[in-house]
Amino acid sequence: MQDSREVDLRNTPVSCTSHPVIKLRSIIDSLIKEGVNEVKIFFKVEDIPEGIMKLILSKNGYIVEESKKLDDGSLMFIAKRRV
């Protein structure tokens, strides 16, 4: 069981099977299986709008506790799993 993990979706090539949303869904599935309580996610708003990211996380039991805009224009969310 791991307490926290970092996921960087900023440099994902855009194709049907590797789109950041598809990648995020499979990553979240593995985080849940591994019992990860906190995840730090880096992503571009052009790839995954902020509201969609929050929705995907909340549907999987994670609540965004911190949001930060980075210098390159991307966002960083820290989300914790609801117990």
Protein backbone atom coordinates (compact mmCIF):
# COMPACT_ATOMS: atom_id res chain seq x y z
CA MET A 1 0.00 0.00 0.00
CA GLN A 2 1.36 3.37 -1.02
CA ASP A 3 0.37 6.70 0.49
CA SER A 4 0.99 9.05 -2.41
CA ARG A 5 1.81 9.07 -6.11
CA GLU A 6 2.60 11.63 -8.83
CA VAL A 7 0.97 11.42 -12.25
CA ASP A 8 2.12 13.65 -15.11
CA LEU A 9 -0.30 13.80 -18.05
CA ARG A 10 1.25 16.87 -19.72
CA ASN A 11 3.36 15.12 -22.34
CA THR A 12 0.95 12.43 -23.49
CA PRO A 13 0.80 12.05 -27.28
CA VAL A 14 -2.74 12.67 -28.46
CA SER A 15 -4.27 9.64 -30.19
CA CYS A 16 -7.40 7.60 -29.53
CA THR A 17 -5.74 5.11 -27.18
CA SER A 18 -3.31 7.44 -25.43
CA HIS A 19 -5.44 10.54 -24.88
CA PRO A 20 -4.82 11.97 -21.38
CA VAL A 21 -8.42 11.18 -20.28
CA ILE A 22 -8.04 7.50 -21.30
CA LYS A 23 -4.65 7.34 -19.60
CA LEU A 24 -6.04 9.01 -16.47
CA ARG A 25 -8.89 6.49 -16.18
CA SER A 26 -6.53 3.51 -16.29
CA ILE A 27 -4.10 5.18 -13.86
CA ILE A 28 -6.92 5.90 -11.37
CA ASP A 29 -8.05 2.27 -11.58
CA SER A 30 -4.55 1.09 -10.64
CA LEU A 31 -4.25 3.74 -7.86
CA ILE A 32 -7.47 2.44 -6.29
CA LYS A 33 -6.28 -1.19 -6.53
CA GLU A 34 -2.96 -0.25 -4.90
CA GLY A 35 -4.70 1.72 -2.13
CA VAL A 36 -3.06 5.06 -2.95
CA ASN A 37 -4.59 7.72 -0.68
CA GLU A 38 -3.13 10.87 -2.24
CA VAL A 39 -2.32 11.70 -5.84
CA LYS A 40 -0.60 14.73 -7.32
CA ILE A 41 -1.71 15.16 -10.94
CA PHE A 42 -0.08 17.46 -13.50
CA PHE A 43 -2.17 18.17 -16.61
CA LYS A 44 -2.94 20.68 -19.36
CA VAL A 45 -6.37 22.31 -19.33
CA GLU A 46 -6.47 22.01 -23.14
CA ASP A 47 -6.31 18.20 -22.75
CA ILE A 48 -8.56 17.81 -19.71
CA PRO A 49 -10.67 20.78 -18.57
CA GLU A 50 -10.46 21.49 -14.84
CA GLY A 51 -14.11 20.58 -14.20
CA ILE A 52 -13.79 17.27 -16.05
CA MET A 53 -10.68 16.38 -14.04
CA LYS A 54 -12.54 17.09 -10.78
CA LEU A 55 -15.52 15.04 -11.97
CA ILE A 56 -13.38 12.03 -12.93
CA LEU A 57 -11.54 12.17 -9.61
CA SER A 58 -14.71 12.54 -7.52
CA LYS A 59 -16.45 9.67 -9.33
CA ASN A 60 -13.52 7.53 -8.25
CA GLY A 61 -13.54 8.67 -4.63
CA TYR A 62 -10.87 11.39 -4.77
CA ILE A 63 -11.45 14.98 -3.61
CA VAL A 64 -9.28 17.82 -4.93
CA GLU A 65 -7.75 19.51 -1.89
CA GLU A 66 -5.29 21.79 -3.64
CA SER A 67 -5.08 23.35 -7.09
CA LYS A 68 -2.13 25.29 -8.44
CA LYS A 69 -1.43 26.91 -11.81
CA LEU A 70 2.14 26.22 -12.91
CA ASP A 71 4.51 28.50 -14.84
CA ASP A 72 3.98 26.58 -18.10
CA GLY A 73 0.21 27.19 -17.89
CA SER A 74 -0.62 23.65 -16.82
CA LEU A 75 -2.37 22.76 -13.56
CA MET A 76 -1.39 20.63 -10.58
CA PHE A 77 -4.09 19.04 -8.42
CA ILE A 78 -3.52 17.28 -5.13
CA ALA A 79 -6.42 14.91 -4.52
CA LYS A 80 -7.07 12.69 -1.52
CA ARG A 81 -9.15 9.55 -1.42
CA ARG A 82 -12.32 9.66 0.65
CA VAL A 83 -12.44 6.91 3.22
